[in-house]
Each structure stands twice: as structure tokens, then as C-alpha cells.
Amino acid sequence: MCQSKKELRLIRGATVVCFLFGILGVVLSVASSSRSILFDGLRSFIQSGFILFSGLLLKLLYRGETKQYPFGYSAFEPFFIIIRVVILMSANIFLLIGSVQAIFQGGYMINTGIALTFAGISMTVCFAVYIVLSRNAKKLGSPMLKNEAISWLNDTFLSGAMLIALAVMSILERTRFAYLAPYTDPAVSIIFILTMFPSLSRQLISNAKELLNAAPPENIQKDLEEIIKSEVKLFGFKDFALYCTKSGRMISAIVYITLFKERPIVELDAIRARIISAMKEYWEFCDIDIVFSIDTKWMDLNEPPRIDTEGDDDEEDKDKILA
């Protein structure tokens, strides 16, 4: 089975599980009068909609280049994740406000038996889905599956926290601290929301960087440089320079290789193909350009104009550039 079909199958499976949990959460929240379960159910509904849409996005990613998007649709992936994170954070803020208001209004009681059952089932299923998605995300090198896996891991921790909190609430109801029991469920909701924000913030920042053509993580850059360095040494070239950016799963790389002397084009083409194959073996989703040159002075022409901010000696040059 090709990678795109594997990803689509996993995403569809996660969509079904998430949607069913959304229905179960909303129904049981009514039966148990629990806002934390309602929060979990509504979040599952939102998640299932985004997971379903991510399946459509995958088809675009594997479509390749078109006239409208000559460099493909890789930037759609971080853009989609940013929208998803922003909507989830917005929903969490409204739920956080409601839970804080509930605490100031004296809290409320819930049916702990139903809530405990839901939390136990939720934690078990979420952890199982996380294991499946994380293993396949690593195997397939899929940022989308990786983000889905992180989301399900968060759900696992949240369900575990809910289970512990509800167990504490059930115990409190039978002690002299029963007056604290009504505050447990809104407190659990607040904890859920606050613990999710760091993870969501990291996703937002990392994908915003990718959308702005930031470089890939340092370990990826070093690995790619080692691949090129070994080839440069093997074929006796003078030096090389690597420039790369990462957008979603796609890495765009330009490699400048400096030669000591002229060499046949046929030979350079064969070496170019060898280097590209090695880089793609390391990272499948690569768009690579390799440029051979003897004199690198022409590379200065590719650099954007720079303005000297020190002193006023070059004011005339600055005016020309700004014009």
C-alpha cells in the first residue's frame, strides 16, 4: 500500500473514533451533568471535523505541482494546522471562562459513576490510537500524523487526569470534605484546558515558522550536510554550501558545490543524481537543486540589497536602493 493510502486510512480511522467519542461525550455529559465530559465531547466533535478535512488536504499534498501552485501544496499543511490550533485554543478559552464562573457560583454535582466509566474508556482508547498514529507517523515521516498523535496523547493525559479527579470527588462525597465535591468538575475542566495550552502553543509556533519558510530543525540540517560532505570529499570538489527550508513535510534545498577545475557536464549530472538520491533516501519529501560552479562571485548577485545603518557615508546608495 502506498504512503498516501496508508495515511488516509489512518486518518479516516481516527475520524470515526473521534466522532463516536464526541457523540458519547455529549450524551454522557447530559446524563452525568458534567461539564468536563461535555468539554471532552465537544472537543472530539471539533477534532473529528478537522481530521476529516485533513484527509482532503492529504490528497492535495500528493497531487504534486500544478499551474496555480508550481511548487506543490506543501505550505497548506502548516497553514491548516495553524487554523486548527487557533480554533481549538479559542474554544478552550470560552470553556475556561465558563468553568471559572462555575467555581465562583458554588460549583455543581455530577454523577461520578457515569463519569468514571467514560474517563476509563476514553483513556484506554486514546492511548491505543496514539500508539498506532505515532508509530506510523515516524515510519512514514508524516507531520500530519505526528500532530494527530500528539493530540491523542494529550487526550490520554486529560482522560487520566479526569479519572483521578473523579475518583477523588467520589471519595470526598463520603467524607467531612464533601463541601469540596461540587468544585471538582469545574476544577478538572480548568486543569484540562491549562495543560493543553503549552502543547497547542508549541504547535502554533513551529508551524508558523514553517509557513514563513524557516529552516528545518538543526539535526535535519546537519544530517543533510553530512550526506553532501561525504559526496564532495569522494569526488574531490572544493567546497559546498547548503540552503534549505521546511514547509510541512517538504524540504526545499539548494546546494552550491564549488569545483577546482572544469569537469564534463555528463559527469556532473551523474554526481548530481547520486547526491539527490542520497538526500531523498534520508528525507523522501525533498525538492533539491544542485548548482556546480568554479567561480562563486556570481552568487553575490543572488543576495538581497543590504542597507548600511552605520554612519551617513552611504546615504546616496541607500536612497538608490530604497527607490
C-alpha atoms as a PDB file:
ATOM      1  CA  MET A   1       0.000   0.000   0.000  1.00  0.00           C
ATOM      2  CA  CYS A   2       1.401   3.424  -0.979  1.00  0.00           C
ATOM      3  CA  GLN A   3       2.087   6.049   1.674  1.00  0.00           C
ATOM      4  CA  SER A   4      -0.822   8.322   0.752  1.00  0.00           C
ATOM      5  CA  LYS A   5      -3.323   5.458   1.111  1.00  0.00           C
ATOM      6  CA  LYS A   6      -1.835   4.429   4.458  1.00  0.00           C
ATOM      7  CA  GLU A   7      -2.122   7.970   5.794  1.00  0.00           C
ATOM      8  CA  LEU A   8      -5.684   8.329   4.519  1.00  0.00           C
ATOM      9  CA  ARG A   9      -6.697   5.013   6.065  1.00  0.00           C
ATOM     10  CA  LEU A  10      -5.238   6.008   9.448  1.00  0.00           C
ATOM     11  CA  ILE A  11      -6.850   9.453   9.319  1.00  0.00           C
ATOM     12  CA  ARG A  12     -10.251   8.012   8.435  1.00  0.00           C
ATOM     13  CA  GLY A  13      -9.984   5.533  11.292  1.00  0.00           C
ATOM     14  CA  ALA A  14      -9.065   8.317  13.726  1.00  0.00           C
ATOM     15  CA  THR A  15     -12.008  10.390  12.408  1.00  0.00           C
ATOM     16  CA  VAL A  16     -14.505   7.608  13.143  1.00  0.00           C
ATOM     17  CA  VAL A  17     -13.143   7.032  16.665  1.00  0.00           C
ATOM     18  CA  CYS A  18     -13.095  10.774  17.414  1.00  0.00           C
ATOM     19  CA  PHE A  19     -16.647  11.319  16.111  1.00  0.00           C
ATOM     20  CA  LEU A  20     -18.020   8.395  18.150  1.00  0.00           C
ATOM     21  CA  PHE A  21     -16.345   9.777  21.266  1.00  0.00           C
ATOM     22  CA  GLY A  22     -17.908  13.152  20.533  1.00  0.00           C
ATOM     23  CA  ILE A  23     -21.381  11.594  20.487  1.00  0.00           C
ATOM     24  CA  LEU A  24     -20.663   9.504  23.599  1.00  0.00           C
ATOM     25  CA  GLY A  25     -19.243  12.504  25.451  1.00  0.00           C
ATOM     26  CA  VAL A  26     -22.215  14.788  24.754  1.00  0.00           C
ATOM     27  CA  VAL A  27     -24.771  12.077  25.689  1.00  0.00           C
ATOM     28  CA  LEU A  28     -22.994  11.138  28.922  1.00  0.00           C
ATOM     29  CA  SER A  29     -22.421  14.790  29.843  1.00  0.00           C
ATOM     30  CA  VAL A  30     -26.197  15.237  29.897  1.00  0.00           C
ATOM     31  CA  ALA A  31     -26.682  12.031  31.905  1.00  0.00           C
ATOM     32  CA  SER A  32     -23.956  12.929  34.417  1.00  0.00           C
ATOM     33  CA  SER A  33     -24.337  16.758  34.410  1.00  0.00           C
ATOM     34  CA  SER A  34     -20.555  17.001  33.862  1.00  0.00           C
ATOM     35  CA  ARG A  35     -19.065  19.993  32.064  1.00  0.00           C
ATOM     36  CA  SER A  36     -15.666  18.307  31.825  1.00  0.00           C
ATOM     37  CA  ILE A  37     -17.238  15.456  29.843  1.00  0.00           C
ATOM     38  CA  LEU A  38     -19.160  17.986  27.742  1.00  0.00           C
ATOM     39  CA  PHE A  39     -15.837  19.758  27.097  1.00  0.00           C
ATOM     40  CA  ASP A  40     -14.286  16.448  26.041  1.00  0.00           C
ATOM     41  CA  GLY A  41     -17.223  15.598  23.782  1.00  0.00           C
ATOM     42  CA  LEU A  42     -17.373  18.974  22.048  1.00  0.00           C
ATOM     43  CA  ARG A  43     -13.610  18.934  21.547  1.00  0.00           C
ATOM     44  CA  SER A  44     -13.905  15.489  19.956  1.00  0.00           C
ATOM     45  CA  PHE A  45     -16.558  16.817  17.546  1.00  0.00           C
ATOM     46  CA  ILE A  46     -14.268  19.696  16.547  1.00  0.00           C
ATOM     47  CA  GLN A  47     -11.312  17.340  16.200  1.00  0.00           C
ATOM     48  CA  SER A  48     -13.247  14.885  14.024  1.00  0.00           C
ATOM     49  CA  GLY A  49     -14.165  17.683  11.615  1.00  0.00           C
ATOM     50  CA  PHE A  50     -10.529  18.749  11.299  1.00  0.00           C
ATOM     51  CA  ILE A  51      -9.286  15.174  10.945  1.00  0.00           C
ATOM     52  CA  LEU A  52     -11.805  14.614   8.151  1.00  0.00           C
ATOM     53  CA  PHE A  53     -10.633  17.771   6.396  1.00  0.00           C
ATOM     54  CA  SER A  54      -7.003  16.702   6.781  1.00  0.00           C
ATOM     55  CA  GLY A  55      -7.820  13.673   4.622  1.00  0.00           C
ATOM     56  CA  LEU A  56      -8.797  16.034   1.809  1.00  0.00           C
ATOM     57  CA  LEU A  57      -5.605  18.001   2.390  1.00  0.00           C
ATOM     58  CA  LEU A  58      -3.523  14.844   2.012  1.00  0.00           C
ATOM     59  CA  LYS A  59      -4.910  14.345  -1.495  1.00  0.00           C
ATOM     60  CA  LEU A  60      -3.704  17.853  -2.376  1.00  0.00           C
ATOM     61  CA  LEU A  61      -0.256  17.176  -0.928  1.00  0.00           C
ATOM     62  CA  TYR A  62       0.182  14.111  -3.118  1.00  0.00           C
ATOM     63  CA  ARG A  63      -1.192  15.828  -6.223  1.00  0.00           C
ATOM     64  CA  GLY A  64       2.165  17.470  -6.857  1.00  0.00           C
ATOM     65  CA  GLU A  65       2.811  20.557  -8.959  1.00  0.00           C
ATOM     66  CA  THR A  66       0.058  22.408 -10.830  1.00  0.00           C
ATOM     67  CA  LYS A  67      -0.110  25.614 -12.871  1.00  0.00           C
ATOM     68  CA  GLN A  68      -1.623  27.517  -9.948  1.00  0.00           C
ATOM     69  CA  TYR A  69       0.831  26.030  -7.427  1.00  0.00           C
ATOM     70  CA  PRO A  70       4.047  25.247  -9.328  1.00  0.00           C
ATOM     71  CA  PHE A  71       5.831  24.255  -6.110  1.00  0.00           C
ATOM     72  CA  GLY A  72       3.049  21.980  -4.873  1.00  0.00           C
ATOM     73  CA  TYR A  73       0.732  22.251  -1.876  1.00  0.00           C
ATOM     74  CA  SER A  74       3.193  21.602   0.970  1.00  0.00           C
ATOM     75  CA  ALA A  75       2.535  25.029   2.581  1.00  0.00           C
ATOM     76  CA  PHE A  76      -1.122  24.069   3.008  1.00  0.00           C
ATOM     77  CA  GLU A  77      -0.144  21.603   5.735  1.00  0.00           C
ATOM     78  CA  PRO A  78       1.268  24.059   8.316  1.00  0.00           C
ATOM     79  CA  PHE A  79      -1.430  26.588   7.333  1.00  0.00           C
ATOM     80  CA  PHE A  80      -4.146  24.020   8.092  1.00  0.00           C
ATOM     81  CA  ILE A  81      -2.551  23.063  11.419  1.00  0.00           C
ATOM     82  CA  ILE A  82      -2.357  26.741  12.453  1.00  0.00           C
ATOM     83  CA  ILE A  83      -6.083  27.252  11.745  1.00  0.00           C
ATOM     84  CA  ARG A  84      -6.901  24.097  13.689  1.00  0.00           C
ATOM     85  CA  VAL A  85      -4.819  25.146  16.707  1.00  0.00           C
ATOM     86  CA  VAL A  86      -6.271  28.673  16.755  1.00  0.00           C
ATOM     87  CA  ILE A  87      -9.858  27.360  16.712  1.00  0.00           C
ATOM     88  CA  LEU A  88      -9.111  24.817  19.462  1.00  0.00           C
ATOM     89  CA  MET A  89      -7.456  27.500  21.603  1.00  0.00           C
ATOM     90  CA  SER A  90     -10.432  29.828  21.093  1.00  0.00           C
ATOM     91  CA  ALA A  91     -12.905  27.103  22.105  1.00  0.00           C
ATOM     92  CA  ASN A  92     -10.777  26.300  25.155  1.00  0.00           C
ATOM     93  CA  ILE A  93     -10.800  29.940  26.263  1.00  0.00           C
ATOM     94  CA  PHE A  94     -14.619  30.076  26.229  1.00  0.00           C
ATOM     95  CA  LEU A  95     -14.821  26.798  28.184  1.00  0.00           C
ATOM     96  CA  LEU A  96     -12.222  28.110  30.642  1.00  0.00           C
ATOM     97  CA  ILE A  97     -14.306  31.224  31.316  1.00  0.00           C
ATOM     98  CA  GLY A  98     -17.410  29.078  31.925  1.00  0.00           C
ATOM     99  CA  SER A  99     -15.574  26.797  34.353  1.00  0.00           C
ATOM    100  CA  VAL A 100     -14.137  29.734  36.317  1.00  0.00           C
ATOM    101  CA  GLN A 101     -17.619  31.263  36.586  1.00  0.00           C
ATOM    102  CA  ALA A 102     -18.981  27.901  37.836  1.00  0.00           C
ATOM    103  CA  ILE A 103     -16.422  27.845  40.664  1.00  0.00           C
ATOM    104  CA  PHE A 104     -17.363  31.363  41.785  1.00  0.00           C
ATOM    105  CA  GLN A 105     -21.039  30.343  41.700  1.00  0.00           C
ATOM    106  CA  GLY A 106     -20.512  27.432  44.096  1.00  0.00           C
ATOM    107  CA  GLY A 107     -19.790  24.597  41.669  1.00  0.00           C
ATOM    108  CA  TYR A 108     -22.172  21.721  40.865  1.00  0.00           C
ATOM    109  CA  MET A 109     -22.588  17.996  41.496  1.00  0.00           C
ATOM    110  CA  ILE A 110     -22.287  15.264  38.871  1.00  0.00           C
ATOM    111  CA  ASN A 111     -22.982  11.527  38.564  1.00  0.00           C
ATOM    112  CA  THR A 112     -19.485  10.215  39.313  1.00  0.00           C
ATOM    113  CA  GLY A 113     -20.305   6.615  38.326  1.00  0.00           C
ATOM    114  CA  ILE A 114     -21.076   7.526  34.703  1.00  0.00           C
ATOM    115  CA  ALA A 115     -18.208   9.996  34.552  1.00  0.00           C
ATOM    116  CA  LEU A 116     -15.676   7.461  35.879  1.00  0.00           C
ATOM    117  CA  THR A 117     -16.758   4.887  33.296  1.00  0.00           C
ATOM    118  CA  PHE A 118     -16.389   7.404  30.462  1.00  0.00           C
ATOM    119  CA  ALA A 119     -12.960   8.566  31.676  1.00  0.00           C
ATOM    120  CA  GLY A 120     -11.659   4.983  31.909  1.00  0.00           C
ATOM    121  CA  ILE A 121     -12.830   4.065  28.401  1.00  0.00           C
ATOM    122  CA  SER A 122     -11.560   7.366  26.980  1.00  0.00           C
ATOM    123  CA  MET A 123      -8.063   6.975  28.451  1.00  0.00           C
ATOM    124  CA  THR A 124      -7.691   3.407  27.148  1.00  0.00           C
ATOM    125  CA  VAL A 125      -8.894   4.128  23.608  1.00  0.00           C
ATOM    126  CA  CYS A 126      -6.964   7.416  23.290  1.00  0.00           C
ATOM    127  CA  PHE A 127      -3.711   5.734  24.300  1.00  0.00           C
ATOM    128  CA  ALA A 128      -4.274   2.910  21.797  1.00  0.00           C
ATOM    129  CA  VAL A 129      -4.915   5.390  18.955  1.00  0.00           C
ATOM    130  CA  TYR A 130      -1.841   7.410  19.991  1.00  0.00           C
ATOM    131  CA  ILE A 131       0.400   4.322  19.766  1.00  0.00           C
ATOM    132  CA  VAL A 132      -0.885   3.470  16.272  1.00  0.00           C
ATOM    133  CA  LEU A 133      -0.566   7.032  14.944  1.00  0.00           C
ATOM    134  CA  SER A 134       2.844   7.785  16.481  1.00  0.00           C
ATOM    135  CA  ARG A 135       4.416   4.596  15.122  1.00  0.00           C
ATOM    136  CA  ASN A 136       3.073   5.232  11.637  1.00  0.00           C
ATOM    137  CA  ALA A 137       3.984   8.949  11.762  1.00  0.00           C
ATOM    138  CA  LYS A 138       7.608   8.012  12.461  1.00  0.00           C
ATOM    139  CA  LYS A 139       7.592   5.267   9.836  1.00  0.00           C
ATOM    140  CA  LEU A 140       6.002   7.405   7.106  1.00  0.00           C
ATOM    141  CA  GLY A 141       7.606  10.729   8.074  1.00  0.00           C
ATOM    142  CA  SER A 142       4.191  12.411   8.187  1.00  0.00           C
ATOM    143  CA  PRO A 143       3.861  15.760  10.064  1.00  0.00           C
ATOM    144  CA  MET A 144       0.085  15.448   9.887  1.00  0.00           C
ATOM    145  CA  LEU A 145       0.044  12.041  11.592  1.00  0.00           C
ATOM    146  CA  LYS A 146       2.589  13.335  14.105  1.00  0.00           C
ATOM    147  CA  ASN A 147       0.292  16.221  15.070  1.00  0.00           C
ATOM    148  CA  GLU A 148      -2.662  13.829  15.281  1.00  0.00           C
ATOM    149  CA  ALA A 149      -0.625  11.549  17.547  1.00  0.00           C
ATOM    150  CA  ILE A 150       0.275  14.474  19.831  1.00  0.00           C
ATOM    151  CA  SER A 151      -3.392  15.408  20.011  1.00  0.00           C
ATOM    152  CA  TRP A 152      -4.372  11.867  21.045  1.00  0.00           C
ATOM    153  CA  LEU A 153      -1.568  11.756  23.621  1.00  0.00           C
ATOM    154  CA  ASN A 154      -2.941  14.965  25.135  1.00  0.00           C
ATOM    155  CA  ASP A 155      -6.358  13.322  25.221  1.00  0.00           C
ATOM    156  CA  THR A 156      -4.839  10.337  27.041  1.00  0.00           C
ATOM    157  CA  PHE A 157      -3.337  12.549  29.752  1.00  0.00           C
ATOM    158  CA  LEU A 158      -6.534  14.569  30.050  1.00  0.00           C
ATOM    159  CA  SER A 159      -8.651  11.431  30.419  1.00  0.00           C
ATOM    160  CA  GLY A 160      -6.231  10.106  33.023  1.00  0.00           C
ATOM    161  CA  ALA A 161      -6.420  13.372  34.946  1.00  0.00           C
ATOM    162  CA  MET A 162     -10.215  13.248  34.706  1.00  0.00           C
ATOM    163  CA  LEU A 163     -10.221   9.684  36.043  1.00  0.00           C
ATOM    164  CA  ILE A 164      -8.074  10.638  39.037  1.00  0.00           C
ATOM    165  CA  ALA A 165     -10.077  13.796  39.768  1.00  0.00           C
ATOM    166  CA  LEU A 166     -13.416  11.977  39.601  1.00  0.00           C
ATOM    167  CA  ALA A 167     -12.106   9.241  41.862  1.00  0.00           C
ATOM    168  CA  VAL A 168     -11.085  11.938  44.359  1.00  0.00           C
ATOM    169  CA  MET A 169     -14.524  13.529  44.015  1.00  0.00           C
ATOM    170  CA  SER A 170     -16.208  10.180  44.688  1.00  0.00           C
ATOM    171  CA  ILE A 171     -14.120   9.780  47.856  1.00  0.00           C
ATOM    172  CA  LEU A 172     -14.777  13.355  49.000  1.00  0.00           C
ATOM    173  CA  GLU A 173     -18.534  12.799  48.820  1.00  0.00           C
ATOM    174  CA  ARG A 174     -18.195  10.243  51.623  1.00  0.00           C
ATOM    175  CA  THR A 175     -16.015  12.346  53.935  1.00  0.00           C
ATOM    176  CA  ARG A 176     -16.270  15.513  56.001  1.00  0.00           C
ATOM    177  CA  PHE A 177     -14.805  17.357  52.987  1.00  0.00           C
ATOM    178  CA  ALA A 178     -17.956  16.747  50.943  1.00  0.00           C
ATOM    179  CA  TYR A 179     -18.398  20.514  50.559  1.00  0.00           C
ATOM    180  CA  LEU A 180     -15.437  20.484  48.153  1.00  0.00           C
ATOM    181  CA  ALA A 181     -17.029  17.920  45.819  1.00  0.00           C
ATOM    182  CA  PRO A 182     -19.096  20.437  43.771  1.00  0.00           C
ATOM    183  CA  TYR A 183     -15.896  22.262  42.782  1.00  0.00           C
ATOM    184  CA  THR A 184     -14.126  19.174  41.448  1.00  0.00           C
ATOM    185  CA  ASP A 185     -15.623  19.004  37.946  1.00  0.00           C
ATOM    186  CA  PRO A 186     -15.108  22.684  37.005  1.00  0.00           C
ATOM    187  CA  ALA A 187     -11.608  22.483  38.521  1.00  0.00           C
ATOM    188  CA  VAL A 188     -10.873  19.434  36.344  1.00  0.00           C
ATOM    189  CA  SER A 189     -12.073  21.358  33.262  1.00  0.00           C
ATOM    190  CA  ILE A 190      -9.756  24.260  34.109  1.00  0.00           C
ATOM    191  CA  ILE A 191      -6.799  21.905  34.579  1.00  0.00           C
ATOM    192  CA  PHE A 192      -7.577  20.203  31.253  1.00  0.00           C
ATOM    193  CA  ILE A 193      -7.586  23.471  29.372  1.00  0.00           C
ATOM    194  CA  LEU A 194      -4.468  24.914  31.010  1.00  0.00           C
ATOM    195  CA  THR A 195      -2.440  21.735  30.420  1.00  0.00           C
ATOM    196  CA  MET A 196      -3.366  21.772  26.716  1.00  0.00           C
ATOM    197  CA  PHE A 197      -2.180  25.334  26.065  1.00  0.00           C
ATOM    198  CA  PRO A 198       1.611  24.673  26.156  1.00  0.00           C
ATOM    199  CA  SER A 199       1.324  21.884  23.568  1.00  0.00           C
ATOM    200  CA  LEU A 200      -1.015  23.911  21.355  1.00  0.00           C
ATOM    201  CA  SER A 201       1.300  26.932  21.630  1.00  0.00           C
ATOM    202  CA  ARG A 202       4.303  24.865  20.526  1.00  0.00           C
ATOM    203  CA  GLN A 203       2.367  23.555  17.522  1.00  0.00           C
ATOM    204  CA  LEU A 204       1.306  27.098  16.628  1.00  0.00           C
ATOM    205  CA  ILE A 205       4.858  28.480  16.809  1.00  0.00           C
ATOM    206  CA  SER A 206       6.558  25.618  14.932  1.00  0.00           C
ATOM    207  CA  ASN A 207       4.029  25.611  12.089  1.00  0.00           C
ATOM    208  CA  ALA A 208       4.087  29.417  11.842  1.00  0.00           C
ATOM    209  CA  LYS A 209       7.867  29.190  11.344  1.00  0.00           C
ATOM    210  CA  GLU A 210       7.388  26.620   8.581  1.00  0.00           C
ATOM    211  CA  LEU A 211       4.805  28.812   6.912  1.00  0.00           C
ATOM    212  CA  LEU A 212       7.357  31.639   6.936  1.00  0.00           C
ATOM    213  CA  ASN A 213       9.994  29.444   5.223  1.00  0.00           C
ATOM    214  CA  ALA A 214      12.140  28.850   8.292  1.00  0.00           C
ATOM    215  CA  ALA A 215      14.996  26.360   8.179  1.00  0.00           C
ATOM    216  CA  PRO A 216      14.328  22.749   9.241  1.00  0.00           C
ATOM    217  CA  PRO A 217      15.428  21.561  12.707  1.00  0.00           C
ATOM    218  CA  GLU A 218      19.176  21.655  13.294  1.00  0.00           C
ATOM    219  CA  ASN A 219      19.536  17.851  13.386  1.00  0.00           C
ATOM    220  CA  ILE A 220      17.995  17.553   9.898  1.00  0.00           C
ATOM    221  CA  GLN A 221      20.316  20.251   8.527  1.00  0.00           C
ATOM    222  CA  LYS A 222      23.363  18.514   9.997  1.00  0.00           C
ATOM    223  CA  ASP A 223      22.342  15.135   8.544  1.00  0.00           C
ATOM    224  CA  LEU A 224      21.853  16.638   5.082  1.00  0.00           C
ATOM    225  CA  GLU A 225      25.197  18.447   5.313  1.00  0.00           C
ATOM    226  CA  GLU A 226      26.926  15.168   6.224  1.00  0.00           C
ATOM    227  CA  ILE A 227      25.410  13.461   3.180  1.00  0.00           C
ATOM    228  CA  ILE A 228      26.647  16.227   0.865  1.00  0.00           C
ATOM    229  CA  LYS A 229      30.018  16.489   2.622  1.00  0.00           C
ATOM    230  CA  SER A 230      30.775  12.797   2.041  1.00  0.00           C
ATOM    231  CA  GLU A 231      29.976  13.131  -1.677  1.00  0.00           C
ATOM    232  CA  VAL A 232      32.022  16.330  -2.026  1.00  0.00           C
ATOM    233  CA  LYS A 233      35.001  14.589  -0.417  1.00  0.00           C
ATOM    234  CA  LEU A 234      34.551  11.450  -2.538  1.00  0.00           C
ATOM    235  CA  PHE A 235      34.565  13.304  -5.864  1.00  0.00           C
ATOM    236  CA  GLY A 236      37.266  15.814  -4.944  1.00  0.00           C
ATOM    237  CA  PHE A 237      35.272  19.039  -5.000  1.00  0.00           C
ATOM    238  CA  LYS A 238      36.490  22.211  -3.329  1.00  0.00           C
ATOM    239  CA  ASP A 239      33.590  23.195  -1.079  1.00  0.00           C
ATOM    240  CA  PHE A 240      29.812  23.356  -0.797  1.00  0.00           C
ATOM    241  CA  ALA A 241      27.030  25.421   0.741  1.00  0.00           C
ATOM    242  CA  LEU A 242      23.541  24.193   1.676  1.00  0.00           C
ATOM    243  CA  TYR A 243      20.457  26.411   1.994  1.00  0.00           C
ATOM    244  CA  CYS A 244      17.171  24.744   2.931  1.00  0.00           C
ATOM    245  CA  THR A 245      13.705  25.482   4.281  1.00  0.00           C
ATOM    246  CA  LYS A 246      10.949  23.215   5.576  1.00  0.00           C
ATOM    247  CA  SER A 247       7.231  23.665   4.918  1.00  0.00           C
ATOM    248  CA  GLY A 248       5.061  20.873   6.267  1.00  0.00           C
ATOM    249  CA  ARG A 249       6.728  17.639   5.208  1.00  0.00           C
ATOM    250  CA  MET A 250       8.517  19.195   2.233  1.00  0.00           C
ATOM    251  CA  ILE A 251      12.149  20.313   2.433  1.00  0.00           C
ATOM    252  CA  SER A 252      13.327  22.680  -0.306  1.00  0.00           C
ATOM    253  CA  ALA A 253      17.108  22.641  -0.661  1.00  0.00           C
ATOM    254  CA  ILE A 254      19.645  24.448  -2.849  1.00  0.00           C
ATOM    255  CA  VAL A 255      23.200  23.071  -2.856  1.00  0.00           C
ATOM    256  CA  TYR A 256      26.095  25.101  -4.280  1.00  0.00           C
ATOM    257  CA  ILE A 257      29.173  22.981  -4.994  1.00  0.00           C
ATOM    258  CA  THR A 258      32.477  24.650  -5.873  1.00  0.00           C
ATOM    259  CA  LEU A 259      34.848  22.886  -8.299  1.00  0.00           C
ATOM    260  CA  PHE A 260      38.640  23.179  -8.538  1.00  0.00           C
ATOM    261  CA  LYS A 261      38.501  22.882 -12.332  1.00  0.00           C
ATOM    262  CA  GLU A 262      36.066  22.293 -15.166  1.00  0.00           C
ATOM    263  CA  ARG A 263      34.561  18.816 -15.454  1.00  0.00           C
ATOM    264  CA  PRO A 264      32.326  17.238 -18.129  1.00  0.00           C
ATOM    265  CA  ILE A 265      28.615  18.020 -17.807  1.00  0.00           C
ATOM    266  CA  VAL A 266      27.743  14.326 -18.182  1.00  0.00           C
ATOM    267  CA  GLU A 267      29.921  13.529 -15.174  1.00  0.00           C
ATOM    268  CA  LEU A 268      28.405  16.345 -13.095  1.00  0.00           C
ATOM    269  CA  ASP A 269      24.878  15.231 -13.990  1.00  0.00           C
ATOM    270  CA  ALA A 270      25.658  11.710 -12.757  1.00  0.00           C
ATOM    271  CA  ILE A 271      27.065  13.098  -9.489  1.00  0.00           C
ATOM    272  CA  ARG A 272      24.034  15.380  -9.123  1.00  0.00           C
ATOM    273  CA  ALA A 273      21.700  12.399  -9.480  1.00  0.00           C
ATOM    274  CA  ARG A 274      23.723  10.462  -6.901  1.00  0.00           C
ATOM    275  CA  ILE A 275      23.552  13.277  -4.322  1.00  0.00           C
ATOM    276  CA  ILE A 276      19.825  13.856  -4.877  1.00  0.00           C
ATOM    277  CA  SER A 277      19.132  10.114  -4.461  1.00  0.00           C
ATOM    278  CA  ALA A 278      21.100  10.064  -1.196  1.00  0.00           C
ATOM    279  CA  MET A 279      19.235  13.099   0.148  1.00  0.00           C
ATOM    280  CA  LYS A 280      15.846  11.691  -0.855  1.00  0.00           C
ATOM    281  CA  GLU A 281      16.705   8.383   0.797  1.00  0.00           C
ATOM    282  CA  TYR A 282      17.187  10.313   4.035  1.00  0.00           C
ATOM    283  CA  TRP A 283      14.123  12.564   3.563  1.00  0.00           C
ATOM    284  CA  GLU A 284      11.620  11.401   0.954  1.00  0.00           C
ATOM    285  CA  PHE A 285       9.844  14.729   0.531  1.00  0.00           C
ATOM    286  CA  CYS A 286      12.668  16.828  -0.893  1.00  0.00           C
ATOM    287  CA  ASP A 287      12.805  19.397  -3.668  1.00  0.00           C
ATOM    288  CA  ILE A 288      16.518  19.735  -4.461  1.00  0.00           C
ATOM    289  CA  ASP A 289      18.548  21.962  -6.788  1.00  0.00           C
ATOM    290  CA  ILE A 290      22.298  21.363  -7.117  1.00  0.00           C
ATOM    291  CA  VAL A 291      24.461  24.010  -8.764  1.00  0.00           C
ATOM    292  CA  PHE A 292      28.100  23.418  -9.756  1.00  0.00           C
ATOM    293  CA  SER A 293      30.439  26.366 -10.190  1.00  0.00           C
ATOM    294  CA  ILE A 294      34.122  27.244 -10.352  1.00  0.00           C
ATOM    295  CA  ASP A 295      33.828  30.978  -9.643  1.00  0.00           C
ATOM    296  CA  THR A 296      31.350  31.736  -6.823  1.00  0.00           C
ATOM    297  CA  LYS A 297      31.368  35.513  -7.284  1.00  0.00           C
ATOM    298  CA  TRP A 298      28.088  35.292  -9.187  1.00  0.00           C
ATOM    299  CA  MET A 299      26.407  34.058  -6.002  1.00  0.00           C
ATOM    300  CA  ASP A 300      26.676  37.570  -4.577  1.00  0.00           C
ATOM    301  CA  LEU A 301      24.154  38.695  -7.203  1.00  0.00           C
ATOM    302  CA  ASN A 302      21.517  36.454  -5.564  1.00  0.00           C
ATOM    303  CA  GLU A 303      21.795  38.227  -2.234  1.00  0.00           C
ATOM    304  CA  PRO A 304      19.191  40.916  -1.445  1.00  0.00           C
ATOM    305  CA  PRO A 305      20.402  44.507  -1.189  1.00  0.00           C
ATOM    306  CA  ARG A 306      21.605  45.461   2.264  1.00  0.00           C
ATOM    307  CA  ILE A 307      21.456  48.892   3.854  1.00  0.00           C
ATOM    308  CA  ASP A 308      24.425  50.062   5.877  1.00  0.00           C
ATOM    309  CA  THR A 309      22.954  51.615   9.025  1.00  0.00           C
ATOM    310  CA  GLU A 310      26.326  52.760  10.371  1.00  0.00           C
ATOM    311  CA  GLY A 311      27.255  56.354   9.509  1.00  0.00           C
ATOM    312  CA  ASP A 312      25.982  58.626   6.773  1.00  0.00           C
ATOM    313  CA  ASP A 313      28.684  57.986   4.181  1.00  0.00           C
ATOM    314  CA  ASP A 314      26.453  55.769   2.058  1.00  0.00           C
ATOM    315  CA  GLU A 315      23.263  57.856   2.182  1.00  0.00           C
ATOM    316  CA  GLU A 316      23.254  58.215  -1.570  1.00  0.00           C
ATOM    317  CA  ASP A 317      23.492  54.450  -2.072  1.00  0.00           C
ATOM    318  CA  LYS A 318      20.684  53.913   0.435  1.00  0.00           C
ATOM    319  CA  ASP A 319      18.429  56.299  -1.454  1.00  0.00           C
ATOM    320  CA  LYS A 320      19.072  54.400  -4.663  1.00  0.00           C
ATOM    321  CA  ILE A 321      18.244  51.074  -3.045  1.00  0.00           C
ATOM    322  CA  LEU A 322      15.089  52.383  -1.359  1.00  0.00           C
ATOM    323  CA  ALA A 323      13.951  53.980  -4.602  1.00  0.00           C
END
